[in-house]
N, C-alpha and C. Protein backbone atom coordinates (compact mmCIF):
# COMPACT_ATOMS: atom_id res chain seq x y z
N MET A 1 7.63 -10.30 15.47
CA MET A 1 6.56 -9.33 15.50
C MET A 1 7.18 -7.95 15.32
N GLY A 2 6.65 -7.20 14.37
CA GLY A 2 7.20 -5.89 14.06
C GLY A 2 6.58 -4.79 14.89
N SER A 3 7.08 -3.60 14.67
CA SER A 3 6.53 -2.43 15.35
C SER A 3 5.74 -1.61 14.35
N ILE A 4 5.09 -0.57 14.81
CA ILE A 4 4.26 0.25 13.95
C ILE A 4 5.05 0.81 12.76
N PRO A 5 6.24 1.41 12.96
CA PRO A 5 6.97 1.93 11.80
C PRO A 5 7.39 0.87 10.79
N GLU A 6 7.48 -0.38 11.22
CA GLU A 6 7.81 -1.46 10.29
C GLU A 6 6.61 -1.85 9.44
N ILE A 7 5.42 -1.55 9.90
CA ILE A 7 4.21 -1.90 9.18
C ILE A 7 3.66 -0.70 8.42
N VAL A 8 3.59 0.43 9.08
CA VAL A 8 3.05 1.64 8.45
C VAL A 8 4.15 2.33 7.68
N LYS A 9 3.95 2.45 6.39
CA LYS A 9 4.90 3.12 5.50
C LYS A 9 4.25 4.43 5.03
N THR A 10 4.82 5.54 5.46
CA THR A 10 4.27 6.84 5.12
C THR A 10 4.11 6.97 3.61
N GLY A 11 2.91 7.33 3.22
CA GLY A 11 2.60 7.51 1.81
C GLY A 11 2.14 6.25 1.11
N GLU A 12 2.37 5.08 1.71
CA GLU A 12 1.94 3.82 1.11
C GLU A 12 0.65 3.30 1.75
N ASN A 13 0.65 3.24 3.09
CA ASN A 13 -0.50 2.66 3.78
C ASN A 13 -0.87 3.44 5.05
N GLY A 14 -0.30 4.61 5.21
CA GLY A 14 -0.62 5.41 6.38
C GLY A 14 0.32 6.59 6.49
N LEU A 15 0.18 7.32 7.56
CA LEU A 15 1.05 8.45 7.85
C LEU A 15 1.49 8.34 9.30
N LEU A 16 2.77 8.44 9.54
CA LEU A 16 3.30 8.34 10.90
C LEU A 16 3.53 9.73 11.48
N VAL A 17 3.29 9.84 12.76
CA VAL A 17 3.51 11.08 13.50
C VAL A 17 4.24 10.72 14.78
N PRO A 18 5.31 11.45 15.10
CA PRO A 18 6.01 11.16 16.36
C PRO A 18 5.08 11.35 17.56
N PRO A 19 5.15 10.49 18.55
CA PRO A 19 4.31 10.66 19.74
C PRO A 19 4.48 12.05 20.35
N GLY A 20 3.37 12.65 20.69
CA GLY A 20 3.38 13.95 21.34
C GLY A 20 3.46 15.13 20.41
N ASN A 21 3.56 14.90 19.11
CA ASN A 21 3.65 16.00 18.16
C ASN A 21 2.26 16.36 17.64
N ALA A 22 1.53 17.12 18.43
CA ALA A 22 0.15 17.47 18.11
C ALA A 22 0.05 18.31 16.84
N ASN A 23 1.02 19.19 16.60
CA ASN A 23 0.97 20.03 15.41
C ASN A 23 1.08 19.20 14.13
N GLU A 24 2.02 18.26 14.12
CA GLU A 24 2.17 17.41 12.94
C GLU A 24 0.96 16.50 12.75
N LEU A 25 0.41 16.00 13.85
CA LEU A 25 -0.80 15.19 13.77
C LEU A 25 -1.94 15.99 13.15
N ALA A 26 -2.12 17.22 13.60
CA ALA A 26 -3.17 18.08 13.06
C ALA A 26 -2.95 18.35 11.58
N GLU A 27 -1.70 18.63 11.20
CA GLU A 27 -1.39 18.89 9.79
C GLU A 27 -1.73 17.70 8.91
N LYS A 28 -1.38 16.51 9.37
CA LYS A 28 -1.64 15.31 8.57
C LYS A 28 -3.13 14.98 8.52
N MET A 29 -3.85 15.25 9.59
CA MET A 29 -5.30 15.03 9.59
C MET A 29 -5.98 15.98 8.60
N ILE A 30 -5.53 17.23 8.58
CA ILE A 30 -6.09 18.20 7.64
C ILE A 30 -5.77 17.79 6.21
N LYS A 31 -4.52 17.35 5.99
CA LYS A 31 -4.13 16.91 4.66
C LYS A 31 -5.01 15.75 4.19
N LEU A 32 -5.26 14.79 5.07
CA LEU A 32 -6.12 13.66 4.71
C LEU A 32 -7.55 14.11 4.42
N ALA A 33 -8.03 15.04 5.20
CA ALA A 33 -9.40 15.54 5.00
C ALA A 33 -9.55 16.25 3.66
N ASN A 34 -8.48 16.86 3.18
CA ASN A 34 -8.55 17.67 1.96
C ASN A 34 -8.03 16.98 0.71
N ASP A 35 -7.42 15.82 0.84
CA ASP A 35 -6.79 15.15 -0.31
C ASP A 35 -7.42 13.78 -0.55
N ASP A 36 -8.44 13.76 -1.40
CA ASP A 36 -9.15 12.52 -1.70
C ASP A 36 -8.22 11.45 -2.29
N TYR A 37 -7.35 11.86 -3.18
CA TYR A 37 -6.44 10.92 -3.84
C TYR A 37 -5.53 10.24 -2.82
N LEU A 38 -4.92 11.02 -1.94
CA LEU A 38 -4.04 10.47 -0.91
C LEU A 38 -4.82 9.52 0.00
N ARG A 39 -5.99 9.96 0.44
CA ARG A 39 -6.80 9.15 1.34
C ARG A 39 -7.17 7.81 0.71
N GLN A 40 -7.55 7.83 -0.56
CA GLN A 40 -7.94 6.59 -1.24
C GLN A 40 -6.74 5.66 -1.43
N ASN A 41 -5.59 6.23 -1.76
CA ASN A 41 -4.39 5.40 -1.93
C ASN A 41 -3.93 4.80 -0.61
N LEU A 42 -3.98 5.59 0.47
CA LEU A 42 -3.61 5.05 1.78
C LEU A 42 -4.58 3.95 2.19
N GLU A 43 -5.84 4.14 1.89
CA GLU A 43 -6.84 3.11 2.23
C GLU A 43 -6.53 1.80 1.50
N LYS A 44 -6.25 1.89 0.21
CA LYS A 44 -5.92 0.68 -0.56
C LYS A 44 -4.67 0.00 -0.02
N GLY A 45 -3.65 0.81 0.29
CA GLY A 45 -2.41 0.26 0.83
C GLY A 45 -2.61 -0.37 2.19
N ALA A 46 -3.42 0.27 3.02
CA ALA A 46 -3.68 -0.27 4.37
C ALA A 46 -4.44 -1.59 4.29
N LEU A 47 -5.40 -1.66 3.39
CA LEU A 47 -6.15 -2.92 3.24
C LEU A 47 -5.23 -4.04 2.77
N LYS A 48 -4.35 -3.73 1.81
CA LYS A 48 -3.42 -4.74 1.32
C LYS A 48 -2.47 -5.18 2.43
N THR A 49 -1.96 -4.24 3.19
CA THR A 49 -1.05 -4.56 4.30
C THR A 49 -1.75 -5.40 5.35
N SER A 50 -2.99 -5.07 5.66
CA SER A 50 -3.70 -5.76 6.74
C SER A 50 -4.02 -7.20 6.42
N GLU A 51 -4.03 -7.55 5.14
CA GLU A 51 -4.32 -8.94 4.77
C GLU A 51 -3.31 -9.91 5.35
N GLY A 52 -2.09 -9.44 5.57
CA GLY A 52 -1.05 -10.33 6.07
C GLY A 52 -0.82 -10.25 7.57
N ILE A 53 -1.70 -9.57 8.29
CA ILE A 53 -1.51 -9.39 9.74
C ILE A 53 -2.65 -10.06 10.49
N ASN A 54 -2.31 -10.89 11.47
CA ASN A 54 -3.37 -11.58 12.21
C ASN A 54 -4.05 -10.64 13.20
N TRP A 55 -5.23 -11.02 13.65
CA TRP A 55 -6.06 -10.16 14.50
C TRP A 55 -5.44 -9.88 15.85
N GLU A 56 -4.77 -10.85 16.44
CA GLU A 56 -4.14 -10.63 17.75
C GLU A 56 -3.06 -9.56 17.64
N TYR A 57 -2.29 -9.59 16.57
CA TYR A 57 -1.26 -8.58 16.38
C TYR A 57 -1.88 -7.20 16.13
N ARG A 58 -2.95 -7.16 15.34
CA ARG A 58 -3.64 -5.88 15.09
C ARG A 58 -4.10 -5.25 16.40
N GLU A 59 -4.66 -6.07 17.27
CA GLU A 59 -5.14 -5.56 18.56
C GLU A 59 -3.98 -5.02 19.39
N LYS A 60 -2.86 -5.74 19.41
CA LYS A 60 -1.70 -5.30 20.17
C LYS A 60 -1.16 -3.97 19.64
N VAL A 61 -1.05 -3.83 18.34
CA VAL A 61 -0.56 -2.58 17.74
C VAL A 61 -1.51 -1.43 18.06
N PHE A 62 -2.80 -1.68 17.98
CA PHE A 62 -3.79 -0.64 18.28
C PHE A 62 -3.64 -0.17 19.73
N LYS A 63 -3.48 -1.10 20.65
CA LYS A 63 -3.33 -0.74 22.06
C LYS A 63 -2.05 0.06 22.29
N ILE A 64 -0.97 -0.33 21.64
CA ILE A 64 0.30 0.40 21.78
C ILE A 64 0.16 1.83 21.25
N ALA A 65 -0.43 1.97 20.09
CA ALA A 65 -0.60 3.30 19.48
C ALA A 65 -1.51 4.17 20.32
N THR A 66 -2.60 3.61 20.80
CA THR A 66 -3.53 4.37 21.62
C THR A 66 -2.86 4.83 22.91
N LYS A 67 -2.10 3.95 23.54
CA LYS A 67 -1.42 4.30 24.77
C LYS A 67 -0.39 5.41 24.53
N ALA A 68 0.35 5.31 23.44
CA ALA A 68 1.39 6.30 23.14
C ALA A 68 0.79 7.68 22.95
N TYR A 69 -0.32 7.78 22.26
CA TYR A 69 -0.93 9.09 22.03
C TYR A 69 -1.68 9.61 23.24
N CYS A 70 -2.21 8.73 24.04
CA CYS A 70 -2.93 9.17 25.24
C CYS A 70 -1.98 9.67 26.33
N GLU A 71 -0.77 9.15 26.34
CA GLU A 71 0.21 9.55 27.35
C GLU A 71 0.86 10.90 27.03
N ASN A 72 0.80 11.31 25.79
CA ASN A 72 1.49 12.55 25.41
C ASN A 72 0.53 13.64 25.17
């Protein structure tokens, strides 16, 4: 079972932000809001990546990510 950085590839299927880095998170959210091309490509990549991941693993990754951002 991999970790989030092993699954999420910046620019391919998502954007990674170090836990607790609110400024970088805000910058990437603004970039996504303003860049239709990037958003569409990340969406396509994320859908392709998700095809190979089972639901139990998806839930576990979501809980880990949510906990990491809520703690910081």
